[in-house]
Protein backbone atom coordinates (compact mmCIF):
# COMPACT_ATOMS: atom_id res chain seq x y z
CA UNK A 1 207.60 129.49 29.65
CA UNK A 2 205.29 129.30 26.66
CA UNK A 3 202.54 126.71 26.26
CA UNK A 4 200.56 125.66 23.15
CA UNK A 5 197.98 128.32 22.37
CA UNK A 6 195.59 125.81 20.84
CA UNK A 7 194.68 124.54 24.31
CA UNK A 8 194.38 127.95 25.95
CA UNK A 9 190.70 128.41 25.09
CA UNK A 10 189.58 125.08 26.49
CA UNK A 11 187.26 125.63 29.47
CA UNK A 12 188.05 123.93 32.74
CA UNK A 13 186.78 120.36 32.87
CA UNK A 14 183.22 119.91 34.12
CA UNK A 15 183.84 118.36 37.53
CA UNK A 16 186.37 120.90 38.85
CA UNK A 17 183.92 123.60 37.73
CA UNK A 18 181.15 121.91 39.67
CA UNK A 19 183.28 121.66 42.82
CA UNK A 20 183.97 125.39 42.61
CA UNK A 21 180.30 126.15 41.98
CA UNK A 22 179.20 124.29 45.12
CA UNK A 23 182.18 125.03 47.37
CA UNK A 24 180.40 127.63 49.52
CA UNK A 25 177.26 125.55 50.10
CA UNK A 26 176.49 123.20 52.96
CA UNK A 27 174.24 120.46 51.59
CA UNK A 28 170.73 120.71 52.89
CA UNK A 29 169.71 117.40 54.42
CA UNK A 30 166.99 116.35 56.77
CA UNK A 31 167.67 113.95 59.62
CA UNK A 32 168.63 110.55 58.32
CA UNK A 33 169.25 111.73 54.75
CA UNK A 34 172.55 111.31 52.93
CA UNK A 35 174.00 113.35 50.05
CA UNK A 36 173.26 111.93 46.62
CA UNK A 37 175.88 112.44 43.92
CA UNK A 38 174.24 112.04 40.50
CA UNK A 39 176.91 113.76 38.43
CA UNK A 40 179.42 111.29 37.05
CA UNK A 41 178.58 108.52 34.60
CA UNK A 42 180.12 105.77 36.71
CA UNK A 43 177.98 102.61 36.71
CA UNK A 44 177.20 101.25 40.15
CA UNK A 45 175.51 98.01 39.15
CA UNK A 46 177.35 94.84 40.18
CA UNK A 47 180.27 93.90 37.98
CA UNK A 48 180.18 90.39 36.50
CA UNK A 49 180.87 87.67 39.04
CA UNK A 50 183.63 86.08 36.97
CA UNK A 51 185.95 89.11 37.07
CA UNK A 52 187.88 88.30 40.23
CA UNK A 53 188.43 84.66 39.28
CA UNK A 54 189.67 85.41 35.79
CA UNK A 55 191.93 88.16 37.11
CA UNK A 56 193.37 85.86 39.78
CA UNK A 57 193.93 83.01 37.33
CA UNK A 58 195.88 85.26 34.98
CA UNK A 59 197.76 87.38 37.53
CA UNK A 60 201.05 85.69 36.64
CA UNK A 61 200.84 87.28 33.19
CA UNK A 62 201.73 90.62 34.74
CA UNK A 63 205.28 89.31 34.38
CA UNK A 64 204.94 89.57 30.60
CA UNK A 65 204.75 92.55 28.26
CA UNK A 66 201.18 92.62 26.94
CA UNK A 67 200.26 92.45 23.26
CA UNK A 68 199.66 96.01 22.08
CA UNK A 69 197.09 95.23 19.40
CA UNK A 70 195.21 92.77 21.63
CA UNK A 71 195.49 89.04 22.24
CA UNK A 72 194.07 86.84 19.47
CA UNK A 73 191.51 85.60 21.98
CA UNK A 74 190.36 89.13 22.83
CA UNK A 75 190.11 90.18 19.21
CA UNK A 76 188.12 87.01 18.50
CA UNK A 77 185.77 87.75 21.43
CA UNK A 78 185.17 91.30 20.20
CA UNK A 79 184.64 90.04 16.67
CA UNK A 80 182.17 87.49 17.98
CA UNK A 81 180.25 90.18 19.84
CA UNK A 82 180.09 92.34 16.71
CA UNK A 83 178.71 89.35 14.84
CA UNK A 84 176.02 88.62 17.43
CA UNK A 85 175.08 92.22 18.15
CA UNK A 86 175.40 93.83 14.72
CA UNK A 87 175.57 90.91 12.29
CA UNK A 88 179.03 92.09 11.23
CA UNK A 89 181.98 90.01 10.12
CA UNK A 90 184.98 92.09 11.22
CA UNK A 91 188.43 90.58 10.75
CA UNK A 92 190.97 90.98 13.59
CA UNK A 93 193.05 93.43 11.56
CA UNK A 94 190.07 95.79 11.51
CA UNK A 95 190.00 95.90 15.32
CA UNK A 96 192.13 97.65 17.92
CA UNK A 97 191.87 97.44 21.69
CA UNK A 98 191.88 100.58 23.80
CA UNK A 99 192.27 101.81 27.37
CA UNK A 100 188.60 102.77 27.28
CA UNK A 101 186.93 104.69 24.48
CA UNK A 102 188.36 108.07 25.51
CA UNK A 103 191.83 107.00 24.38
CA UNK A 104 190.52 105.94 21.00
CA UNK A 105 188.29 108.95 20.44
CA UNK A 106 191.27 111.24 21.07
CA UNK A 107 193.95 109.27 19.22
CA UNK A 108 191.71 108.69 16.21
CA UNK A 109 191.93 112.40 15.49
CA UNK A 110 195.74 112.30 15.79
CA UNK A 111 195.96 109.30 13.49
CA UNK A 112 193.28 110.13 10.93
CA UNK A 113 192.85 113.90 10.61
CA UNK A 114 194.92 115.29 7.72
CA UNK A 115 196.87 118.55 7.99
CA UNK A 116 194.70 120.06 5.24
CA UNK A 117 191.41 119.21 3.56
CA UNK A 118 190.86 120.46 0.02
CA UNK A 119 193.76 122.86 0.53
CA UNK A 120 192.26 124.40 3.68
CA UNK A 121 192.50 123.94 7.41
CA UNK A 122 190.42 120.88 8.30
CA UNK A 123 187.24 121.08 10.34
CA UNK A 124 185.94 118.62 12.93
CA UNK A 125 182.20 118.40 13.55
CA UNK A 126 181.14 118.07 17.20
CA UNK A 127 177.59 117.81 18.58
CA UNK A 128 176.79 120.49 21.13
CA UNK A 129 176.47 119.43 24.00
CA UNK A 130 179.19 116.82 23.76
CA UNK A 131 181.73 114.56 25.46
CA UNK A 132 184.63 116.92 26.09
CA UNK A 133 187.37 114.75 24.58
CA UNK A 134 186.03 115.57 21.09
CA UNK A 135 186.99 119.22 21.47
CA UNK A 136 190.47 118.62 22.85
CA UNK A 137 191.13 116.13 20.04
CA UNK A 138 190.24 118.78 17.46
CA UNK A 139 192.54 121.25 19.20
CA UNK A 140 195.38 118.75 19.28
CA UNK A 141 195.35 118.34 15.48
CA UNK A 142 195.01 122.10 14.76
CA UNK A 143 191.55 121.58 13.25
CA UNK A 144 188.65 124.01 13.50
CA UNK A 145 186.04 122.60 15.89
CA UNK A 146 182.52 123.18 14.62
CA UNK A 147 179.99 122.88 17.44
CA UNK A 148 176.63 121.90 15.98
CA UNK A 149 173.51 122.26 18.17
CA UNK A 150 171.94 119.00 19.31
CA UNK A 151 168.78 120.32 20.93
CA UNK A 152 165.13 119.27 21.29
CA UNK A 153 164.50 121.09 17.99
CA UNK A 154 166.86 118.66 16.21
CA UNK A 155 165.83 115.56 18.16
CA UNK A 156 168.86 116.07 20.42
CA UNK A 157 171.13 114.92 17.59
CA UNK A 158 173.30 117.22 15.45
CA UNK A 159 171.93 118.23 12.05
CA UNK A 160 175.22 118.15 10.17
CA UNK A 161 173.44 118.28 6.83
CA UNK A 162 172.22 121.81 7.59
CA UNK A 163 175.78 123.16 7.48
CA UNK A 164 177.14 125.18 4.58
CA UNK A 165 178.38 122.82 1.82
CA UNK A 166 181.59 124.86 1.61
CA UNK A 167 182.25 124.09 5.27
CA UNK A 168 181.37 120.44 4.81
CA UNK A 169 183.96 120.22 2.02
CA UNK A 170 186.73 120.86 4.53
CA UNK A 171 185.38 118.54 7.23
CA UNK A 172 187.77 115.70 7.98
CA UNK A 173 186.05 114.08 10.96
CA UNK A 174 182.57 114.11 12.47
CA UNK A 175 181.92 112.86 15.99
CA UNK A 176 178.61 111.26 16.85
CA UNK A 177 177.49 109.75 20.17
CA UNK A 178 174.50 107.39 20.14
CA UNK A 179 172.87 106.92 22.57
CA UNK A 180 173.81 110.52 23.16
CA UNK A 181 175.62 111.78 26.23
CA UNK A 182 173.97 113.72 27.82
CA UNK A 183 170.54 113.74 26.17
CA UNK A 184 169.87 110.00 25.80
CA UNK A 185 168.75 110.32 22.16
CA UNK A 186 169.32 107.43 19.75
CA UNK A 187 170.40 107.87 16.13
CA UNK A 188 168.07 105.66 14.12
CA UNK A 189 168.96 103.89 10.90
CA UNK A 190 167.46 106.66 8.73
CA UNK A 191 169.56 109.28 10.53
CA UNK A 192 172.72 107.20 10.11
CA UNK A 193 172.03 106.58 6.43
CA UNK A 194 171.64 110.31 5.80
CA UNK A 195 174.82 111.07 7.73
CA UNK A 196 176.78 108.42 5.83
CA UNK A 197 175.54 109.75 2.50
CA UNK A 198 176.67 113.21 3.60
CA UNK A 199 180.08 111.86 4.61
CA UNK A 200 180.47 110.14 1.26
CA UNK A 201 179.42 113.28 -0.64
CA UNK A 202 181.86 115.51 1.25
CA UNK A 203 184.55 112.89 1.93
CA UNK A 204 184.80 112.84 5.72
CA UNK A 205 185.07 110.13 8.37
CA UNK A 206 182.51 109.46 11.10
CA UNK A 207 183.84 108.65 14.58
CA UNK A 208 180.93 106.81 16.21
CA UNK A 209 181.01 106.83 20.01
CA UNK A 210 178.73 103.93 20.97
CA UNK A 211 179.80 103.30 24.56
CA UNK A 212 176.17 103.48 25.79
CA UNK A 213 174.83 101.19 23.04
CA UNK A 214 173.85 98.31 25.35
CA UNK A 215 171.68 100.45 27.64
CA UNK A 216 168.38 101.11 25.89
CA UNK A 217 164.64 101.39 26.54
CA UNK A 218 162.81 99.46 23.83
CA UNK A 219 165.16 98.20 21.13
CA UNK A 220 168.92 97.93 20.52
CA UNK A 221 170.26 101.09 18.85
CA UNK A 222 171.60 100.49 15.34
CA UNK A 223 175.36 100.59 14.94
CA UNK A 224 176.98 103.08 12.58
CA UNK A 225 179.49 100.53 11.27
CA UNK A 226 176.70 98.07 10.49
CA UNK A 227 174.72 100.70 8.57
CA UNK A 228 177.88 101.79 6.73
CA UNK A 229 178.69 98.20 5.81
CA UNK A 230 175.15 97.63 4.52
CA UNK A 231 175.56 100.75 2.35
CA UNK A 232 178.90 99.53 1.00
CA UNK A 233 180.76 102.27 2.92
CA UNK A 234 182.61 100.48 5.76
CA UNK A 235 185.60 102.83 5.44
CA UNK A 236 183.42 105.83 6.37
CA UNK A 237 183.10 104.84 10.05
CA UNK A 238 185.31 104.03 12.98
CA UNK A 239 183.14 102.85 15.88
CA UNK A 240 184.16 102.80 19.54
CA UNK A 241 182.78 100.80 22.43
CA UNK A 242 183.94 99.60 25.83
CA UNK A 243 183.15 97.47 28.85
CA UNK A 244 182.69 100.47 31.16
CA UNK A 245 178.95 100.93 30.72
CA UNK A 246 178.08 97.62 29.07
CA UNK A 247 179.60 95.42 31.77
CA UNK A 248 179.84 97.87 34.72
CA UNK A 249 183.65 97.82 34.55
CA UNK A 250 184.72 101.48 34.25
CA UNK A 251 187.92 100.86 36.21
CA UNK A 252 189.03 98.07 33.88
CA UNK A 253 189.73 100.67 31.17
CA UNK A 254 189.04 98.29 28.31
CA UNK A 255 187.47 99.14 24.98
CA UNK A 256 187.97 98.79 21.25
CA UNK A 257 187.76 100.52 17.90
CA UNK A 258 186.50 98.86 14.72
CA UNK A 259 186.55 100.26 11.21
CA UNK A 260 188.04 100.06 7.77
CA UNK A 261 191.34 98.28 7.27
CA UNK A 262 193.29 101.42 6.34
CA UNK A 263 191.90 103.46 9.23
CA UNK A 264 192.63 100.80 11.85
CA UNK A 265 196.09 100.18 10.41
CA UNK A 266 196.87 103.89 10.80
CA UNK A 267 195.50 103.97 14.35
CA UNK A 268 197.47 100.85 15.27
CA UNK A 269 200.66 102.41 13.93
CA UNK A 270 200.24 105.44 16.18
CA UNK A 271 199.30 103.30 19.16
CA UNK A 272 202.41 101.16 18.79
CA UNK A 273 204.41 104.29 19.65
CA UNK A 274 202.12 106.23 21.98
CA UNK A 275 199.49 103.91 23.45
CA UNK A 276 199.87 101.87 26.62
CA UNK A 277 198.95 98.21 26.08
CA UNK A 278 196.30 96.69 28.33
CA UNK A 279 197.83 94.36 30.96
CA UNK A 280 197.22 90.74 30.07
CA UNK A 281 194.95 90.06 33.08
CA UNK A 282 192.78 92.95 31.92
CA UNK A 283 192.68 91.47 28.43
CA UNK A 284 191.68 88.06 29.86
CA UNK A 285 188.78 89.57 31.79
CA UNK A 286 187.80 91.47 28.66
CA UNK A 287 187.78 88.29 26.59
CA UNK A 288 185.27 86.77 28.97
CA UNK A 289 183.14 89.91 29.26
CA UNK A 290 182.68 90.36 25.51
CA UNK A 291 181.74 86.69 25.20
CA UNK A 292 178.88 86.82 27.73
CA UNK A 293 175.52 88.61 27.62
CA UNK A 294 173.65 87.49 30.75
CA UNK A 295 175.22 90.15 32.97
CA UNK A 296 174.49 92.80 30.32
CA UNK A 297 170.85 91.81 30.08
CA UNK A 298 170.47 91.90 33.87
CA UNK A 299 172.04 95.35 34.10
CA UNK A 300 169.88 96.68 31.28
CA UNK A 301 166.73 95.55 33.09
CA UNK A 302 167.81 97.60 36.11
CA UNK A 303 168.24 100.70 33.93
CA UNK A 304 164.87 100.13 32.32
CA UNK A 305 163.31 100.00 35.79
CA UNK A 306 164.89 103.39 36.52
CA UNK A 307 163.55 104.77 33.23
CA UNK A 308 160.07 103.86 34.46
CA UNK A 309 160.73 105.56 37.80
CA UNK A 310 161.87 108.73 36.02
CA UNK A 311 158.79 108.66 33.77
CA UNK A 312 156.51 108.31 36.80
CA UNK A 313 158.15 111.00 38.92
CA UNK A 314 158.97 113.53 36.22
CA UNK A 315 156.72 112.61 33.30
CA UNK A 316 154.50 115.68 33.56
CA UNK A 317 157.38 118.17 33.85
CA UNK A 318 157.14 120.45 30.78
CA UNK A 319 159.97 119.60 28.40
CA UNK A 320 160.71 116.21 29.97
CA UNK A 321 161.80 113.71 27.32
CA UNK A 322 161.89 110.00 28.17
CA UNK A 323 165.34 108.49 27.87
CA UNK A 324 165.84 106.39 24.71
CA UNK A 325 169.22 105.00 25.72
CA UNK A 326 172.12 105.49 28.10
CA UNK A 327 171.68 106.42 31.75
CA UNK A 328 171.39 110.20 31.87
CA UNK A 329 168.37 112.41 32.33
CA UNK A 330 168.62 115.76 30.54
CA UNK A 331 166.18 117.88 32.50
CA UNK A 332 164.99 121.35 31.52
CA UNK A 333 165.50 124.17 34.04
CA UNK A 334 165.68 127.96 33.73
CA UNK A 335 169.42 127.95 34.51
CA UNK A 336 171.57 124.85 35.06
CA UNK A 337 174.05 126.41 37.48
CA UNK A 338 171.31 127.94 39.62
CA UNK A 339 169.46 124.63 39.66
CA UNK A 340 172.61 122.74 40.71
CA UNK A 341 173.23 125.14 43.59
CA UNK A 342 169.58 125.00 44.69
CA UNK A 343 169.53 121.18 44.67
CA UNK A 344 172.74 120.94 46.72
CA UNK A 345 171.61 123.59 49.19
CA UNK A 346 168.06 122.33 49.69
CA UNK A 347 168.23 118.58 49.05
CA UNK A 348 171.86 117.48 49.19
CA UNK A 349 171.71 116.32 45.56
CA UNK A 350 174.59 116.94 43.15
CA UNK A 351 173.83 117.24 39.44
CA UNK A 352 175.85 118.65 36.57
CA UNK A 353 174.89 121.96 34.91
CA UNK A 354 174.30 121.36 31.23
CA UNK A 355 176.42 124.34 30.22
CA UNK A 356 179.49 122.46 31.51
CA UNK A 357 178.95 119.90 28.73
CA UNK A 358 178.37 122.48 26.00
CA UNK A 359 180.18 125.32 24.29
CA UNK A 360 179.02 128.89 23.77
CA UNK A 361 178.48 129.57 20.08
CA UNK A 362 177.33 133.00 18.98
CA UNK A 363 176.47 133.90 22.56
CA UNK A 364 174.27 130.83 23.02
CA UNK A 365 175.01 127.75 25.06
CA UNK A 366 172.52 124.93 24.26
CA UNK A 367 173.13 123.28 27.63
CA UNK A 368 172.49 126.30 29.82
CA UNK A 369 168.82 125.48 30.36
CA UNK A 370 169.42 121.87 31.43
CA UNK A 371 170.94 119.69 34.12
CA UNK A 372 172.37 116.20 33.63
CA UNK A 373 171.31 113.57 36.15
CA UNK A 374 173.06 110.19 36.18
CA UNK A 375 170.76 107.22 36.86
CA UNK A 376 173.56 105.13 38.33
CA UNK A 377 172.24 104.48 41.86
CA UNK A 378 169.90 101.58 42.58
CA UNK A 379 166.16 101.84 41.96
CA UNK A 380 165.19 102.79 45.51
CA UNK A 381 167.86 105.50 45.74
CA UNK A 382 166.88 106.77 42.28
CA UNK A 383 163.23 107.01 43.30
CA UNK A 384 164.15 108.92 46.46
CA UNK A 385 166.55 111.25 44.65
CA UNK A 386 164.20 112.09 41.80
CA UNK A 387 161.32 112.66 44.21
CA UNK A 388 163.47 115.10 46.21
CA UNK A 389 164.69 116.72 42.99
CA UNK A 390 161.16 117.22 41.76
CA UNK A 391 160.08 118.77 45.05
CA UNK A 392 162.90 121.32 44.87
CA UNK A 393 162.84 122.22 41.17
CA UNK A 394 159.33 121.48 39.94
CA UNK A 395 157.07 121.81 43.00
CA UNK A 396 154.91 124.35 41.24
CA UNK A 397 153.78 121.76 38.66
CA UNK A 398 150.36 120.30 39.36
CA UNK A 399 150.29 116.58 39.95
CA UNK A 400 149.29 114.75 36.81
């Protein structure tokens, strides 16, 4: 039986690869120590205290088919949040709810990538390293994925402007994650303005993955849709966000897309056929979550405390870069796989090799010399884990 060739070159997903990498190792733990899994970006801060009550009050609505495009109340709550957070006035018909951002980031390519661009096969720009759904979305629409290094040399953000203008002329979509997963870099307003000018010059659409936007060190990251709107280019961006990281509700599977009227109309049309609507109790919880900020502020303070712990424990490690946003450390090592095995064998700590989040291009993988560490445990556990990690990987560094 034949299968689509366009998916045959996709590497195995990161977490099965990690399980295979560590399968022959017994975690090294001292008496009284427990394994620490710092691999997956699953928030462990308390979820908002209103969730259970709202869910219980609306449980009877499971007897109804949910509204595919989102209840008016949910769309109004999202629009209100965009107004407070980004000073944007986004009408309900420029919004679409999602089962988390992954659904939207994938289906946006299906809905918005043309079969050809300037008479050629379209290209999709992807930062490297990257969230893996970007690559499978490009494969699904028969586009050429172009993996653009996002390394310390480029501020850990992709330099799309450095690409050949002939290539840029056939770009249909460009993915951008800010704060970046895995590096924690934030795209500032100047960066976004340059990228939008490039998109306008070469006529492509920016898919802005902003699911970590409410976790930041010093100041709220700018939003791509806000910058585009200020430049008079609101149709150049579709932005994506969710309640997973913002509100510590990854299992709720609730997010949204916002963009130009034509783009959202096209995405809604596809979703009416192929997207599963969010159950009404989920939409009711989402309405409340987008309308409240106190729980978000409290969670952010906990992440900022862990930033300070990381700076204290690892600040003098050569190549260490303080996190600007999000909850991942992107730590330099000679080899990510070797470091992951060493940490599991000697300290019972699981981390993700950076190469599993990157793609080889020209024989080079920009993630090979890094590990990703998720700062999702509480402050005390984070302090313990990072101290153990430092002792195993960086014990030859003099105390600063």
